[in-house]
């Protein structure tokens, strides 16, 4: 089972319905349906959306080129390079702004 399918099953789990047979007011013959309402269509849609999101988030060589250029520009700015964490956050913020 793929990661997308696992997430879809968590979002849309199999459900079982209870039933009461007609003329069985005490519910003696009633019970849980042996056939699950599997949410097949919802899960298929969820998996398609999940897989499309993964494709949309993949970095291309152009994205890496942009990141390197942004990093080169920011490394020369002393106000951003006080700590490594601040530097990388600044690169990430700049890159995310270019992607919008």
PDB file of N, CA and C in Angstrom:
ATOM      1  N   UNK A   1       0.850  -1.169   0.000  1.00  0.00           N
ATOM      2  CA  UNK A   1       0.000   0.000   0.000  1.00  0.00           C
ATOM      3  C   UNK A   1       0.900   1.237   0.000  1.00  0.00           C
ATOM      4  N   UNK A   2       0.606   2.174  -0.904  1.00  0.00           N
ATOM      5  CA  UNK A   2       1.410   3.386  -0.997  1.00  0.00           C
ATOM      6  C   UNK A   2       1.072   4.333   0.145  1.00  0.00           C
ATOM      7  N   UNK A   3       1.919   5.332   0.306  1.00  0.00           N
ATOM      8  CA  UNK A   3       1.697   6.343   1.339  1.00  0.00           C
ATOM      9  C   UNK A   3       0.378   7.081   1.081  1.00  0.00           C
ATOM     10  N   UNK A   4       0.081   7.354  -0.189  1.00  0.00           N
ATOM     11  CA  UNK A   4      -1.165   8.032  -0.546  1.00  0.00           C
ATOM     12  C   UNK A   4      -2.371   7.164  -0.201  1.00  0.00           C
ATOM     13  N   UNK A   5      -2.270   5.875  -0.480  1.00  0.00           N
ATOM     14  CA  UNK A   5      -3.379   4.959  -0.171  1.00  0.00           C
ATOM     15  C   UNK A   5      -3.592   4.826   1.331  1.00  0.00           C
ATOM     16  N   UNK A   6      -2.498   4.802   2.091  1.00  0.00           N
ATOM     17  CA  UNK A   6      -2.611   4.736   3.547  1.00  0.00           C
ATOM     18  C   UNK A   6      -3.310   5.977   4.096  1.00  0.00           C
ATOM     19  N   UNK A   7      -2.916   7.144   3.571  1.00  0.00           N
ATOM     20  CA  UNK A   7      -3.533   8.396   4.020  1.00  0.00           C
ATOM     21  C   UNK A   7      -5.009   8.439   3.635  1.00  0.00           C
ATOM     22  N   UNK A   8      -5.336   7.916   2.446  1.00  0.00           N
ATOM     23  CA  UNK A   8      -6.730   7.887   2.001  1.00  0.00           C
ATOM     24  C   UNK A   8      -7.569   6.979   2.890  1.00  0.00           C
ATOM     25  N   UNK A   9      -7.005   5.850   3.291  1.00  0.00           N
ATOM     26  CA  UNK A   9      -7.738   4.928   4.162  1.00  0.00           C
ATOM     27  C   UNK A   9      -7.963   5.542   5.542  1.00  0.00           C
ATOM     28  N   UNK A  10      -7.005   6.326   6.015  1.00  0.00           N
ATOM     29  CA  UNK A  10      -7.195   7.032   7.287  1.00  0.00           C
ATOM     30  C   UNK A  10      -8.281   8.104   7.167  1.00  0.00           C
ATOM     31  N   UNK A  11      -8.278   8.797   6.038  1.00  0.00           N
ATOM     32  CA  UNK A  11      -9.262   9.861   5.836  1.00  0.00           C
ATOM     33  C   UNK A  11     -10.650   9.301   5.558  1.00  0.00           C
ATOM     34  N   UNK A  12     -10.713   8.179   4.853  1.00  0.00           N
ATOM     35  CA  UNK A  12     -11.985   7.565   4.484  1.00  0.00           C
ATOM     36  C   UNK A  12     -11.966   6.077   4.817  1.00  0.00           C
ATOM     37  N   UNK A  13     -12.080   5.740   6.104  1.00  0.00           N
ATOM     38  CA  UNK A  13     -12.011   4.328   6.504  1.00  0.00           C
ATOM     39  C   UNK A  13     -13.263   3.561   6.093  1.00  0.00           C
ATOM     40  N   UNK A  14     -13.118   2.246   6.052  1.00  0.00           N
ATOM     41  CA  UNK A  14     -14.284   1.395   5.825  1.00  0.00           C
ATOM     42  C   UNK A  14     -15.259   1.608   6.978  1.00  0.00           C
ATOM     43  N   UNK A  15     -16.521   1.684   6.662  1.00  0.00           N
ATOM     44  CA  UNK A  15     -17.541   1.797   7.696  1.00  0.00           C
ATOM     45  C   UNK A  15     -18.580   0.709   7.471  1.00  0.00           C
ATOM     46  N   UNK A  16     -19.158   0.274   8.532  1.00  0.00           N
ATOM     47  CA  UNK A  16     -20.194  -0.751   8.469  1.00  0.00           C
ATOM     48  C   UNK A  16     -21.470  -0.150   9.023  1.00  0.00           C
ATOM     49  N   UNK A  17     -22.582  -0.523   8.448  1.00  0.00           N
ATOM     50  CA  UNK A  17     -23.850   0.037   8.905  1.00  0.00           C
ATOM     51  C   UNK A  17     -24.636  -1.015   9.677  1.00  0.00           C
ATOM     52  N   UNK A  18     -25.375  -0.539  10.643  1.00  0.00           N
ATOM     53  CA  UNK A  18     -26.252  -1.450  11.375  1.00  0.00           C
ATOM     54  C   UNK A  18     -27.602  -1.475  10.674  1.00  0.00           C
ATOM     55  N   UNK A  19     -28.293  -2.530  10.846  1.00  0.00           N
ATOM     56  CA  UNK A  19     -29.603  -2.637  10.225  1.00  0.00           C
ATOM     57  C   UNK A  19     -30.567  -3.315  11.179  1.00  0.00           C
ATOM     58  N   UNK A  20     -31.834  -3.085  10.943  1.00  0.00           N
ATOM     59  CA  UNK A  20     -32.897  -3.722  11.719  1.00  0.00           C
ATOM     60  C   UNK A  20     -33.869  -4.320  10.711  1.00  0.00           C
ATOM     61  N   UNK A  21     -34.060  -5.607  10.835  1.00  0.00           N
ATOM     62  CA  UNK A  21     -34.976  -6.280   9.919  1.00  0.00           C
ATOM     63  C   UNK A  21     -36.402  -5.859  10.220  1.00  0.00           C
ATOM     64  N   UNK A  22     -37.184  -5.729   9.148  1.00  0.00           N
ATOM     65  CA  UNK A  22     -38.586  -5.372   9.296  1.00  0.00           C
ATOM     66  C   UNK A  22     -39.305  -6.450  10.094  1.00  0.00           C
ATOM     67  N   UNK A  23     -40.128  -6.054  11.003  1.00  0.00           N
ATOM     68  CA  UNK A  23     -40.861  -6.990  11.835  1.00  0.00           C
ATOM     69  C   UNK A  23     -40.022  -7.561  12.967  1.00  0.00           C
ATOM     70  N   UNK A  24     -38.896  -6.922  13.265  1.00  0.00           N
ATOM     71  CA  UNK A  24     -37.998  -7.392  14.340  1.00  0.00           C
ATOM     72  C   UNK A  24     -37.815  -6.241  15.327  1.00  0.00           C
ATOM     73  N   UNK A  25     -38.851  -5.881  16.084  1.00  0.00           N
ATOM     74  CA  UNK A  25     -38.769  -4.722  16.972  1.00  0.00           C
ATOM     75  C   UNK A  25     -37.729  -4.870  18.073  1.00  0.00           C
ATOM     76  N   UNK A  26     -37.403  -6.067  18.460  1.00  0.00           N
ATOM     77  CA  UNK A  26     -36.419  -6.292  19.519  1.00  0.00           C
ATOM     78  C   UNK A  26     -34.989  -6.283  18.986  1.00  0.00           C
ATOM     79  N   UNK A  27     -34.853  -6.346  17.673  1.00  0.00           N
ATOM     80  CA  UNK A  27     -33.526  -6.345  17.094  1.00  0.00           C
ATOM     81  C   UNK A  27     -32.809  -7.669  17.209  1.00  0.00           C
ATOM     82  N   UNK A  28     -33.560  -8.745  17.391  1.00  0.00           N
ATOM     83  CA  UNK A  28     -32.941 -10.055  17.556  1.00  0.00           C
ATOM     84  C   UNK A  28     -32.221 -10.500  16.291  1.00  0.00           C
ATOM     85  N   UNK A  29     -32.833 -10.225  15.129  1.00  0.00           N
ATOM     86  CA  UNK A  29     -32.214 -10.628  13.871  1.00  0.00           C
ATOM     87  C   UNK A  29     -31.417  -9.489  13.243  1.00  0.00           C
ATOM     88  N   UNK A  30     -31.374  -8.363  13.906  1.00  0.00           N
ATOM     89  CA  UNK A  30     -30.641  -7.220  13.378  1.00  0.00           C
ATOM     90  C   UNK A  30     -29.163  -7.379  13.667  1.00  0.00           C
ATOM     91  N   UNK A  31     -28.374  -6.536  13.099  1.00  0.00           N
ATOM     92  CA  UNK A  31     -26.940  -6.611  13.354  1.00  0.00           C
ATOM     93  C   UNK A  31     -26.166  -5.616  12.522  1.00  0.00           C
ATOM     94  N   UNK A  32     -24.943  -5.963  12.237  1.00  0.00           N
ATOM     95  CA  UNK A  32     -24.065  -5.115  11.440  1.00  0.00           C
ATOM     96  C   UNK A  32     -23.970  -5.716  10.053  1.00  0.00           C
ATOM     97  N   UNK A  33     -24.126  -4.878   9.056  1.00  0.00           N
ATOM     98  CA  UNK A  33     -24.051  -5.339   7.680  1.00  0.00           C
ATOM     99  C   UNK A  33     -22.677  -5.947   7.410  1.00  0.00           C
ATOM    100  N   UNK A  34     -22.644  -7.103   6.758  1.00  0.00           N
ATOM    101  CA  UNK A  34     -21.349  -7.709   6.444  1.00  0.00           C
ATOM    102  C   UNK A  34     -20.637  -7.007   5.286  1.00  0.00           C
ATOM    103  N   UNK A  35     -21.325  -6.086   4.638  1.00  0.00           N
ATOM    104  CA  UNK A  35     -20.749  -5.396   3.494  1.00  0.00           C
ATOM    105  C   UNK A  35     -20.343  -3.977   3.899  1.00  0.00           C
ATOM    106  N   UNK A  36     -19.056  -3.671   3.845  1.00  0.00           N
ATOM    107  CA  UNK A  36     -18.623  -2.329   4.261  1.00  0.00           C
ATOM    108  C   UNK A  36     -18.974  -1.276   3.223  1.00  0.00           C
ATOM    109  N   UNK A  37     -19.227  -0.097   3.704  1.00  0.00           N
ATOM    110  CA  UNK A  37     -19.345   1.072   2.845  1.00  0.00           C
ATOM    111  C   UNK A  37     -17.913   1.573   2.696  1.00  0.00           C
ATOM    112  N   UNK A  38     -17.251   1.167   1.662  1.00  0.00           N
ATOM    113  CA  UNK A  38     -15.794   1.321   1.595  1.00  0.00           C
ATOM    114  C   UNK A  38     -15.300   2.693   1.155  1.00  0.00           C
ATOM    115  N   UNK A  39     -16.161   3.591   0.777  1.00  0.00           N
ATOM    116  CA  UNK A  39     -15.734   4.928   0.337  1.00  0.00           C
ATOM    117  C   UNK A  39     -14.715   4.847  -0.803  1.00  0.00           C
ATOM    118  N   UNK A  40     -14.927   3.931  -1.710  1.00  0.00           N
ATOM    119  CA  UNK A  40     -13.967   3.701  -2.795  1.00  0.00           C
ATOM    120  C   UNK A  40     -13.753   4.963  -3.622  1.00  0.00           C
ATOM    121  N   UNK A  41     -14.820   5.626  -4.017  1.00  0.00           N
ATOM    122  CA  UNK A  41     -14.675   6.810  -4.863  1.00  0.00           C
ATOM    123  C   UNK A  41     -13.952   7.939  -4.141  1.00  0.00           C
ATOM    124  N   UNK A  42     -14.266   8.136  -2.865  1.00  0.00           N
ATOM    125  CA  UNK A  42     -13.595   9.186  -2.102  1.00  0.00           C
ATOM    126  C   UNK A  42     -12.105   8.905  -1.994  1.00  0.00           C
ATOM    127  N   UNK A  43     -11.754   7.640  -1.738  1.00  0.00           N
ATOM    128  CA  UNK A  43     -10.338   7.283  -1.611  1.00  0.00           C
ATOM    129  C   UNK A  43      -9.599   7.460  -2.927  1.00  0.00           C
ATOM    130  N   UNK A  44     -10.244   7.089  -4.039  1.00  0.00           N
ATOM    131  CA  UNK A  44      -9.595   7.269  -5.348  1.00  0.00           C
ATOM    132  C   UNK A  44      -9.301   8.745  -5.600  1.00  0.00           C
ATOM    133  N   UNK A  45     -10.275   9.598  -5.302  1.00  0.00           N
ATOM    134  CA  UNK A  45     -10.070  11.036  -5.472  1.00  0.00           C
ATOM    135  C   UNK A  45      -8.981  11.568  -4.562  1.00  0.00           C
ATOM    136  N   UNK A  46      -8.952  11.087  -3.331  1.00  0.00           N
ATOM    137  CA  UNK A  46      -7.934  11.497  -2.368  1.00  0.00           C
ATOM    138  C   UNK A  46      -6.545  11.112  -2.884  1.00  0.00           C
ATOM    139  N   UNK A  47      -6.405   9.875  -3.366  1.00  0.00           N
ATOM    140  CA  UNK A  47      -5.108   9.391  -3.865  1.00  0.00           C
ATOM    141  C   UNK A  47      -4.663  10.218  -5.061  1.00  0.00           C
ATOM    142  N   UNK A  48      -5.578  10.511  -5.985  1.00  0.00           N
ATOM    143  CA  UNK A  48      -5.216  11.334  -7.152  1.00  0.00           C
ATOM    144  C   UNK A  48      -4.730  12.711  -6.730  1.00  0.00           C
ATOM    145  N   UNK A  49      -5.444  13.330  -5.804  1.00  0.00           N
ATOM    146  CA  UNK A  49      -5.031  14.648  -5.326  1.00  0.00           C
ATOM    147  C   UNK A  49      -3.699  14.611  -4.608  1.00  0.00           C
ATOM    148  N   UNK A  50      -3.486  13.588  -3.801  1.00  0.00           N
ATOM    149  CA  UNK A  50      -2.239  13.416  -3.055  1.00  0.00           C
ATOM    150  C   UNK A  50      -1.070  13.265  -4.021  1.00  0.00           C
ATOM    151  N   UNK A  51      -1.247  12.391  -5.016  1.00  0.00           N
ATOM    152  CA  UNK A  51      -0.167  12.147  -5.978  1.00  0.00           C
ATOM    153  C   UNK A  51       0.118  13.385  -6.827  1.00  0.00           C
ATOM    154  N   UNK A  52      -0.929  14.158  -7.177  1.00  0.00           N
ATOM    155  CA  UNK A  52      -0.714  15.392  -7.933  1.00  0.00           C
ATOM    156  C   UNK A  52       0.035  16.417  -7.084  1.00  0.00           C
ATOM    157  N   UNK A  53      -0.301  16.499  -5.813  1.00  0.00           N
ATOM    158  CA  UNK A  53       0.405  17.423  -4.920  1.00  0.00           C
ATOM    159  C   UNK A  53       1.881  17.060  -4.814  1.00  0.00           C
ATOM    160  N   UNK A  54       2.175  15.751  -4.734  1.00  0.00           N
ATOM    161  CA  UNK A  54       3.576  15.324  -4.691  1.00  0.00           C
ATOM    162  C   UNK A  54       4.304  15.756  -5.953  1.00  0.00           C
ATOM    163  N   UNK A  55       3.675  15.608  -7.119  1.00  0.00           N
ATOM    164  CA  UNK A  55       4.294  16.019  -8.389  1.00  0.00           C
ATOM    165  C   UNK A  55       4.526  17.524  -8.413  1.00  0.00           C
ATOM    166  N   UNK A  56       3.548  18.276  -7.922  1.00  0.00           N
ATOM    167  CA  UNK A  56       3.652  19.732  -7.934  1.00  0.00           C
ATOM    168  C   UNK A  56       4.768  20.242  -7.026  1.00  0.00           C
ATOM    169  N   UNK A  57       5.104  19.479  -5.996  1.00  0.00           N
ATOM    170  CA  UNK A  57       6.104  19.928  -5.025  1.00  0.00           C
ATOM    171  C   UNK A  57       7.528  19.488  -5.360  1.00  0.00           C
ATOM    172  N   UNK A  58       7.699  18.690  -6.398  1.00  0.00           N
ATOM    173  CA  UNK A  58       9.040  18.229  -6.769  1.00  0.00           C
ATOM    174  C   UNK A  58       9.855  19.410  -7.283  1.00  0.00           C
ATOM    175  N   UNK A  59      11.081  19.528  -6.797  1.00  0.00           N
ATOM    176  CA  UNK A  59      11.962  20.597  -7.250  1.00  0.00           C
ATOM    177  C   UNK A  59      12.575  20.238  -8.602  1.00  0.00           C
ATOM    178  N   UNK A  60      12.664  21.227  -9.466  1.00  0.00           N
ATOM    179  CA  UNK A  60      13.295  21.047 -10.766  1.00  0.00           C
ATOM    180  C   UNK A  60      14.706  21.614 -10.718  1.00  0.00           C
ATOM    181  N   UNK A  61      15.457  21.406 -11.792  1.00  0.00           N
ATOM    182  CA  UNK A  61      16.808  21.976 -11.821  1.00  0.00           C
ATOM    183  C   UNK A  61      16.732  23.502 -11.842  1.00  0.00           C
ATOM    184  N   UNK A  62      15.638  24.038 -12.411  1.00  0.00           N
ATOM    185  CA  UNK A  62      15.468  25.496 -12.415  1.00  0.00           C
ATOM    186  C   UNK A  62      15.249  26.011 -10.991  1.00  0.00           C
ATOM    187  N   UNK A  63      14.517  25.232 -10.190  1.00  0.00           N
ATOM    188  CA  UNK A  63      14.304  25.618  -8.793  1.00  0.00           C
ATOM    189  C   UNK A  63      15.627  25.637  -8.031  1.00  0.00           C
ATOM    190  N   UNK A  64      16.447  24.617  -8.246  1.00  0.00           N
ATOM    191  CA  UNK A  64      17.759  24.561  -7.580  1.00  0.00           C
ATOM    192  C   UNK A  64      18.620  25.731  -8.023  1.00  0.00           C
ATOM    193  N   UNK A  65      18.576  26.058  -9.313  1.00  0.00           N
ATOM    194  CA  UNK A  65      19.334  27.206  -9.819  1.00  0.00           C
ATOM    195  C   UNK A  65      18.889  28.485  -9.119  1.00  0.00           C
ATOM    196  N   UNK A  66      17.581  28.658  -8.958  1.00  0.00           N
ATOM    197  CA  UNK A  66      17.053  29.832  -8.264  1.00  0.00           C
ATOM    198  C   UNK A  66      17.524  29.863  -6.813  1.00  0.00           C
ATOM    199  N   UNK A  67      17.492  28.721  -6.147  1.00  0.00           N
ATOM    200  CA  UNK A  67      17.928  28.646  -4.748  1.00  0.00           C
ATOM    201  C   UNK A  67      19.402  29.038  -4.629  1.00  0.00           C
ATOM    202  N   UNK A  68      20.232  28.524  -5.526  1.00  0.00           N
ATOM    203  CA  UNK A  68      21.666  28.843  -5.480  1.00  0.00           C
ATOM    204  C   UNK A  68      21.890  30.332  -5.711  1.00  0.00           C
ATOM    205  N   UNK A  69      21.181  30.898  -6.673  1.00  0.00           N
ATOM    206  CA  UNK A  69      21.328  32.339  -6.933  1.00  0.00           C
ATOM    207  C   UNK A  69      20.884  33.171  -5.727  1.00  0.00           C
ATOM    208  N   UNK A  70      19.773  32.788  -5.121  1.00  0.00           N
ATOM    209  CA  UNK A  70      19.296  33.500  -3.920  1.00  0.00           C
ATOM    210  C   UNK A  70      20.302  33.356  -2.776  1.00  0.00           C
ATOM    211  N   UNK A  71      20.841  32.160  -2.618  1.00  0.00           N
ATOM    212  CA  UNK A  71      21.811  31.917  -1.554  1.00  0.00           C
ATOM    213  C   UNK A  71      23.071  32.743  -1.775  1.00  0.00           C
ATOM    214  N   UNK A  72      23.522  32.805  -3.031  1.00  0.00           N
ATOM    215  CA  UNK A  72      24.711  33.607  -3.346  1.00  0.00           C
ATOM    216  C   UNK A  72      24.480  35.082  -3.032  1.00  0.00           C
ATOM    217  N   UNK A  73      23.291  35.583  -3.372  1.00  0.00           N
ATOM    218  CA  UNK A  73      22.975  36.987  -3.098  1.00  0.00           C
ATOM    219  C   UNK A  73      22.901  37.250  -1.593  1.00  0.00           C
ATOM    220  N   UNK A  74      22.284  36.318  -0.860  1.00  0.00           N
ATOM    221  CA  UNK A  74      22.100  36.519   0.577  1.00  0.00           C
ATOM    222  C   UNK A  74      23.383  36.327   1.380  1.00  0.00           C
ATOM    223  N   UNK A  75      24.306  35.527   0.900  1.00  0.00           N
ATOM    224  CA  UNK A  75      25.545  35.299   1.655  1.00  0.00           C
ATOM    225  C   UNK A  75      26.377  36.585   1.722  1.00  0.00           C
ATOM    226  N   UNK A  76      26.159  37.468   0.771  1.00  0.00           N
ATOM    227  CA  UNK A  76      26.887  38.741   0.767  1.00  0.00           C
ATOM    228  C   UNK A  76      26.251  39.767   1.697  1.00  0.00           C
ATOM    229  N   UNK A  77      25.024  39.496   2.149  1.00  0.00           N
ATOM    230  CA  UNK A  77      24.325  40.395   3.053  1.00  0.00           C
ATOM    231  C   UNK A  77      24.618  39.965   4.493  1.00  0.00           C
ATOM    232  N   UNK A  78      25.488  40.708   5.181  1.00  0.00           N
ATOM    233  CA  UNK A  78      25.918  40.341   6.530  1.00  0.00           C
ATOM    234  C   UNK A  78      24.769  40.324   7.544  1.00  0.00           C
ATOM    235  N   UNK A  79      23.713  41.070   7.296  1.00  0.00           N
ATOM    236  CA  UNK A  79      22.620  41.116   8.263  1.00  0.00           C
ATOM    237  C   UNK A  79      21.834  39.802   8.302  1.00  0.00           C
ATOM    238  N   UNK A  80      21.938  38.996   7.270  1.00  0.00           N
ATOM    239  CA  UNK A  80      21.189  37.739   7.206  1.00  0.00           C
ATOM    240  C   UNK A  80      22.035  36.559   7.672  1.00  0.00           C
ATOM    241  N   UNK A  81      23.330  36.728   7.699  1.00  0.00           N
ATOM    242  CA  UNK A  81      24.226  35.589   7.954  1.00  0.00           C
ATOM    243  C   UNK A  81      24.742  35.525   9.392  1.00  0.00           C
ATOM    244  N   UNK A  82      24.001  36.072  10.333  1.00  0.00           N
ATOM    245  CA  UNK A  82      24.447  36.007  11.726  1.00  0.00           C
ATOM    246  C   UNK A  82      24.526  34.564  12.201  1.00  0.00           C
ATOM    247  N   UNK A  83      23.524  33.763  11.895  1.00  0.00           N
ATOM    248  CA  UNK A  83      23.572  32.338  12.222  1.00  0.00           C
ATOM    249  C   UNK A  83      23.231  31.546  10.961  1.00  0.00           C
ATOM    250  N   UNK A  84      23.649  30.318  10.958  1.00  0.00           N
ATOM    251  CA  UNK A  84      23.362  29.444   9.819  1.00  0.00           C
ATOM    252  C   UNK A  84      21.856  29.267   9.634  1.00  0.00           C
ATOM    253  N   UNK A  85      21.157  29.119  10.762  1.00  0.00           N
ATOM    254  CA  UNK A  85      19.706  28.930  10.697  1.00  0.00           C
ATOM    255  C   UNK A  85      19.027  30.139  10.063  1.00  0.00           C
ATOM    256  N   UNK A  86      19.403  31.345  10.459  1.00  0.00           N
ATOM    257  CA  UNK A  86      18.809  32.561   9.897  1.00  0.00           C
ATOM    258  C   UNK A  86      19.094  32.659   8.394  1.00  0.00           C
ATOM    259  N   UNK A  87      20.287  32.290   8.013  1.00  0.00           N
ATOM    260  CA  UNK A  87      20.677  32.331   6.596  1.00  0.00           C
ATOM    261  C   UNK A  87      19.793  31.398   5.771  1.00  0.00           C
ATOM    262  N   UNK A  88      19.666  30.147   6.217  1.00  0.00           N
ATOM    263  CA  UNK A  88      18.880  29.184   5.457  1.00  0.00           C
ATOM    264  C   UNK A  88      17.393  29.526   5.470  1.00  0.00           C
ATOM    265  N   UNK A  89      16.913  30.088   6.564  1.00  0.00           N
ATOM    266  CA  UNK A  89      15.517  30.531   6.604  1.00  0.00           C
ATOM    267  C   UNK A  89      15.287  31.673   5.616  1.00  0.00           C
ATOM    268  N   UNK A  90      16.251  32.567   5.515  1.00  0.00           N
ATOM    269  CA  UNK A  90      16.139  33.679   4.573  1.00  0.00           C
ATOM    270  C   UNK A  90      16.139  33.162   3.134  1.00  0.00           C
ATOM    271  N   UNK A  91      16.982  32.172   2.841  1.00  0.00           N
ATOM    272  CA  UNK A  91      17.013  31.574   1.503  1.00  0.00           C
ATOM    273  C   UNK A  91      15.666  30.912   1.208  1.00  0.00           C
ATOM    274  N   UNK A  92      15.153  30.163   2.174  1.00  0.00           N
ATOM    275  CA  UNK A  92      13.873  29.480   2.005  1.00  0.00           C
ATOM    276  C   UNK A  92      12.734  30.477   1.794  1.00  0.00           C
ATOM    277  N   UNK A  93      12.695  31.528   2.604  1.00  0.00           N
ATOM    278  CA  UNK A  93      11.655  32.546   2.450  1.00  0.00           C
ATOM    279  C   UNK A  93      11.717  33.204   1.074  1.00  0.00           C
ATOM    280  N   UNK A  94      12.917  33.550   0.639  1.00  0.00           N
ATOM    281  CA  UNK A  94      13.084  34.173  -0.671  1.00  0.00           C
ATOM    282  C   UNK A  94      12.648  33.231  -1.786  1.00  0.00           C
ATOM    283  N   UNK A  95      12.996  31.961  -1.666  1.00  0.00           N
ATOM    284  CA  UNK A  95      12.603  30.986  -2.684  1.00  0.00           C
ATOM    285  C   UNK A  95      11.090  30.800  -2.712  1.00  0.00           C
ATOM    286  N   UNK A  96      10.474  30.689  -1.538  1.00  0.00           N
ATOM    287  CA  UNK A  96       9.017  30.510  -1.489  1.00  0.00           C
ATOM    288  C   UNK A  96       8.291  31.721  -2.104  1.00  0.00           C
ATOM    289  N   UNK A  97       8.841  32.906  -1.936  1.00  0.00           N
ATOM    290  CA  UNK A  97       8.232  34.103  -2.545  1.00  0.00           C
ATOM    291  C   UNK A  97       8.312  34.049  -4.071  1.00  0.00           C
ATOM    292  N   UNK A  98       9.409  33.490  -4.604  1.00  0.00           N
ATOM    293  CA  UNK A  98       9.547  33.404  -6.062  1.00  0.00           C
ATOM    294  C   UNK A  98       8.615  32.352  -6.649  1.00  0.00           C
ATOM    295  N   UNK A  99       8.241  31.351  -5.877  1.00  0.00           N
ATOM    296  CA  UNK A  99       7.363  30.290  -6.381  1.00  0.00           C
ATOM    297  C   UNK A  99       5.901  30.695  -6.451  1.00  0.00           C
ATOM    298  N   UNK A 100       5.515  31.747  -5.747  1.00  0.00           N
ATOM    299  CA  UNK A 100       4.102  32.160  -5.718  1.00  0.00           C
ATOM    300  C   UNK A 100       3.708  32.897  -6.945  1.00  0.00           C
TER     301      UNK A 100
END
